[in-house]
Amino acid sequence: MDQVRRNVAEAKVKFPEKQAELLKLLDEMGEDDNPIIAFYKLKD
């Protein structure tokens, strides 16, 4: 999970507010949560 957060934080983005929202979501996720399922739910 740390690698995902690091990649998101270092990425050059067009919409910084969306990046901040994604970083917040990653902070709220537990160690056992599946990020793919969380992103899918976020999309819906």
C-alpha atoms as a PDB file:
ATOM      1  CA  MET A   1       0.000   0.000   0.000  1.00  0.00           C
ATOM      2  CA  ASP A   2       2.902   2.358   0.704  1.00  0.00           C
ATOM      3  CA  GLN A   3       4.140   1.943  -2.874  1.00  0.00           C
ATOM      4  CA  VAL A   4       0.716   2.885  -4.275  1.00  0.00           C
ATOM      5  CA  ARG A   5       0.573   5.985  -2.077  1.00  0.00           C
ATOM      6  CA  ARG A   6       4.107   6.978  -3.061  1.00  0.00           C
ATOM      7  CA  ASN A   7       3.291   6.586  -6.768  1.00  0.00           C
ATOM      8  CA  VAL A   8       0.161   8.717  -6.441  1.00  0.00           C
ATOM      9  CA  ALA A   9       1.961  11.407  -4.453  1.00  0.00           C
ATOM     10  CA  GLU A  10       4.830  11.648  -6.955  1.00  0.00           C
ATOM     11  CA  ALA A  11       2.669  11.627 -10.100  1.00  0.00           C
ATOM     12  CA  LYS A  12       2.289  14.754 -12.192  1.00  0.00           C
ATOM     13  CA  VAL A  13      -1.440  15.394 -12.327  1.00  0.00           C
ATOM     14  CA  LYS A  14      -3.826  17.583 -14.256  1.00  0.00           C
ATOM     15  CA  PHE A  15      -6.358  17.805 -11.418  1.00  0.00           C
ATOM     16  CA  PRO A  16      -4.626  18.207  -8.025  1.00  0.00           C
ATOM     17  CA  GLU A  17      -7.935  18.158  -6.144  1.00  0.00           C
ATOM     18  CA  LYS A  18      -8.593  14.623  -7.439  1.00  0.00           C
ATOM     19  CA  GLN A  19      -5.100  13.586  -6.382  1.00  0.00           C
ATOM     20  CA  ALA A  20      -5.780  14.932  -2.887  1.00  0.00           C
ATOM     21  CA  GLU A  21      -9.068  13.005  -2.789  1.00  0.00           C
ATOM     22  CA  LEU A  22      -7.284   9.805  -3.816  1.00  0.00           C
ATOM     23  CA  LEU A  23      -4.559  10.308  -1.198  1.00  0.00           C
ATOM     24  CA  LYS A  24      -7.267  10.816   1.432  1.00  0.00           C
ATOM     25  CA  LEU A  25      -8.937   7.562   0.345  1.00  0.00           C
ATOM     26  CA  LEU A  26      -5.606   5.738   0.578  1.00  0.00           C
ATOM     27  CA  ASP A  27      -5.054   7.108   4.094  1.00  0.00           C
ATOM     28  CA  GLU A  28      -8.467   5.801   5.176  1.00  0.00           C
ATOM     29  CA  MET A  29      -7.835   2.302   3.820  1.00  0.00           C
ATOM     30  CA  GLY A  30      -6.709  -0.428   6.152  1.00  0.00           C
ATOM     31  CA  GLU A  31      -3.771  -2.717   5.552  1.00  0.00           C
ATOM     32  CA  ASP A  32      -6.087  -5.579   4.535  1.00  0.00           C
ATOM     33  CA  ASP A  33      -8.274  -3.541   2.148  1.00  0.00           C
ATOM     34  CA  ASN A  34      -8.026  -4.262  -1.556  1.00  0.00           C
ATOM     35  CA  PRO A  35      -7.242  -1.004  -3.429  1.00  0.00           C
ATOM     36  CA  ILE A  36      -8.693  -2.284  -6.721  1.00  0.00           C
ATOM     37  CA  ILE A  37     -12.094  -2.925  -5.143  1.00  0.00           C
ATOM     38  CA  ALA A  38     -11.987   0.449  -3.379  1.00  0.00           C
ATOM     39  CA  PHE A  39     -11.230   2.278  -6.641  1.00  0.00           C
ATOM     40  CA  TYR A  40     -14.043   0.396  -8.373  1.00  0.00           C
ATOM     41  CA  LYS A  41     -16.485   1.434  -5.641  1.00  0.00           C
ATOM     42  CA  LEU A  42     -15.207   5.022  -5.864  1.00  0.00           C
ATOM     43  CA  LYS A  43     -15.906   5.020  -9.605  1.00  0.00           C
ATOM     44  CA  ASP A  44     -19.577   4.023  -9.125  1.00  0.00           C
END
